[in-house]
Amino acid sequence: MKALTVLLCLAGAVATVNTSSLSSVMASPTESEDPELTEQWSQHKDAIMLRLEENDANLKRQYKEQLEKIESSSGEEKESAQQRADSLKQEIVKSELVISRLKNV
């Protein structure tokens, strides 16, 4: 999770220098007035996208494992697994949103 957070922060920082809103965080660096930032984004975009997609796949694997745990558990263990699955699902949605927006850059 920490790696995903770091990657999301890096992707957002590379994508734009203006972090006042989600749309500006995900704005294309080519729309900015900083040619150095645009060059850095071009150099690192593929590596960043690969890491984001790997983390997304890992989140989905963990989510599937939690769903299996929910089915095979009961009581507090089942409740804990359900909470973890819900948390993972939220992270997956965020991850997919970031990936989708960055692919359109």
Protein backbone atom coordinates (compact mmCIF):
# COMPACT_ATOMS: atom_id res chain seq x y z
CA MET A 1 0.00 0.00 0.00
CA LYS A 2 2.84 2.38 0.82
CA ALA A 3 4.42 1.71 -2.57
CA LEU A 4 1.13 2.51 -4.30
CA THR A 5 0.79 5.73 -2.35
CA VAL A 6 4.33 6.76 -3.27
CA LEU A 7 3.73 5.95 -6.93
CA LEU A 8 0.44 7.84 -6.98
CA CYS A 9 2.16 10.86 -5.44
CA LEU A 10 5.00 10.63 -7.94
CA ALA A 11 2.61 10.29 -10.86
CA GLY A 12 0.59 13.25 -9.66
CA ALA A 13 3.69 15.36 -9.11
CA VAL A 14 5.09 14.50 -12.52
CA ALA A 15 1.75 15.06 -14.23
CA THR A 16 1.43 18.62 -12.98
CA VAL A 17 2.75 21.20 -10.55
CA ASN A 18 -0.72 22.47 -9.67
CA THR A 19 -2.37 20.26 -7.04
CA SER A 20 -5.38 22.41 -6.24
CA SER A 21 -7.90 19.86 -7.57
CA LEU A 22 -8.07 16.27 -8.78
CA SER A 23 -8.45 17.37 -12.38
CA SER A 24 -5.41 19.59 -12.16
CA VAL A 25 -3.40 16.84 -10.45
CA MET A 26 -4.14 14.57 -13.37
CA ALA A 27 -3.70 17.25 -16.04
CA SER A 28 -1.35 16.61 -18.90
CA PRO A 29 2.16 17.89 -18.27
CA THR A 30 2.20 19.11 -21.85
CA GLU A 31 -0.44 21.64 -20.84
CA SER A 32 1.90 23.12 -18.25
CA GLU A 33 4.38 25.84 -19.03
CA ASP A 34 7.36 23.90 -17.66
CA PRO A 35 9.29 22.19 -20.49
CA GLU A 36 11.59 20.46 -17.98
CA LEU A 37 8.59 18.84 -16.30
CA THR A 38 7.27 17.74 -19.69
CA GLU A 39 10.62 16.18 -20.54
CA GLN A 40 10.81 14.37 -17.20
CA TRP A 41 7.27 13.03 -17.66
CA SER A 42 8.16 11.75 -21.14
CA GLN A 43 11.24 9.97 -19.81
CA HIS A 44 9.52 8.27 -16.88
CA LYS A 45 5.92 7.76 -18.03
CA ASP A 46 6.35 4.14 -19.17
CA ALA A 47 8.09 3.09 -15.95
CA ILE A 48 5.49 4.85 -13.81
CA MET A 49 2.62 3.30 -15.76
CA LEU A 50 4.16 -0.17 -15.48
CA ARG A 51 4.52 0.16 -11.71
CA LEU A 52 0.98 1.47 -11.34
CA GLU A 53 -0.39 -1.44 -13.39
CA GLU A 54 1.66 -3.95 -11.37
CA ASN A 55 0.33 -2.48 -8.13
CA ASP A 56 -3.21 -2.58 -9.52
CA ALA A 57 -2.80 -6.27 -10.36
CA ASN A 58 -1.44 -6.90 -6.86
CA LEU A 59 -4.41 -5.13 -5.28
CA LYS A 60 -6.80 -7.24 -7.36
CA ARG A 61 -4.99 -10.43 -6.29
CA GLN A 62 -5.22 -9.41 -2.63
CA TYR A 63 -8.91 -8.56 -3.09
CA LYS A 64 -9.61 -11.99 -4.57
CA GLU A 65 -7.80 -13.63 -1.64
CA GLN A 66 -9.91 -11.63 0.81
CA LEU A 67 -13.12 -12.68 -0.95
CA GLU A 68 -12.04 -16.32 -0.60
CA LYS A 69 -11.25 -15.72 3.07
CA ILE A 70 -14.71 -14.20 3.58
CA GLU A 71 -16.35 -17.30 2.13
CA SER A 72 -14.34 -19.66 4.33
CA SER A 73 -14.51 -17.66 7.58
CA SER A 74 -17.07 -16.81 10.20
CA GLY A 75 -17.54 -14.38 13.05
CA GLU A 76 -14.92 -11.72 13.71
CA GLU A 77 -12.50 -13.19 11.18
CA LYS A 78 -15.13 -12.88 8.46
CA GLU A 79 -15.94 -9.31 9.49
CA SER A 80 -12.26 -8.38 9.46
CA ALA A 81 -11.80 -9.95 6.02
CA GLN A 82 -14.84 -8.04 4.74
CA GLN A 83 -13.44 -4.74 5.99
CA ARG A 84 -10.09 -5.50 4.36
CA ALA A 85 -11.85 -6.42 1.10
CA ASP A 86 -13.83 -3.17 1.18
CA SER A 87 -10.63 -1.20 1.73
CA LEU A 88 -8.89 -3.02 -1.12
CA LYS A 89 -11.84 -2.37 -3.42
CA GLN A 90 -11.56 1.37 -2.75
CA GLU A 91 -7.83 1.26 -3.49
CA ILE A 92 -8.52 -0.62 -6.74
CA VAL A 93 -11.02 2.03 -7.85
CA LYS A 94 -8.52 4.81 -7.09
CA SER A 95 -5.74 2.94 -8.86
CA GLU A 96 -7.84 2.34 -11.97
CA LEU A 97 -8.84 6.01 -12.05
CA VAL A 98 -5.22 7.16 -11.91
CA ILE A 99 -4.16 4.67 -14.58
CA SER A 100 -7.05 5.67 -16.83
CA ARG A 101 -6.33 9.37 -16.51
CA LEU A 102 -2.59 8.98 -17.04
CA LYS A 103 -3.13 6.83 -20.15
CA ASN A 104 -5.01 9.75 -21.67
CA VAL A 105 -2.07 12.12 -21.13
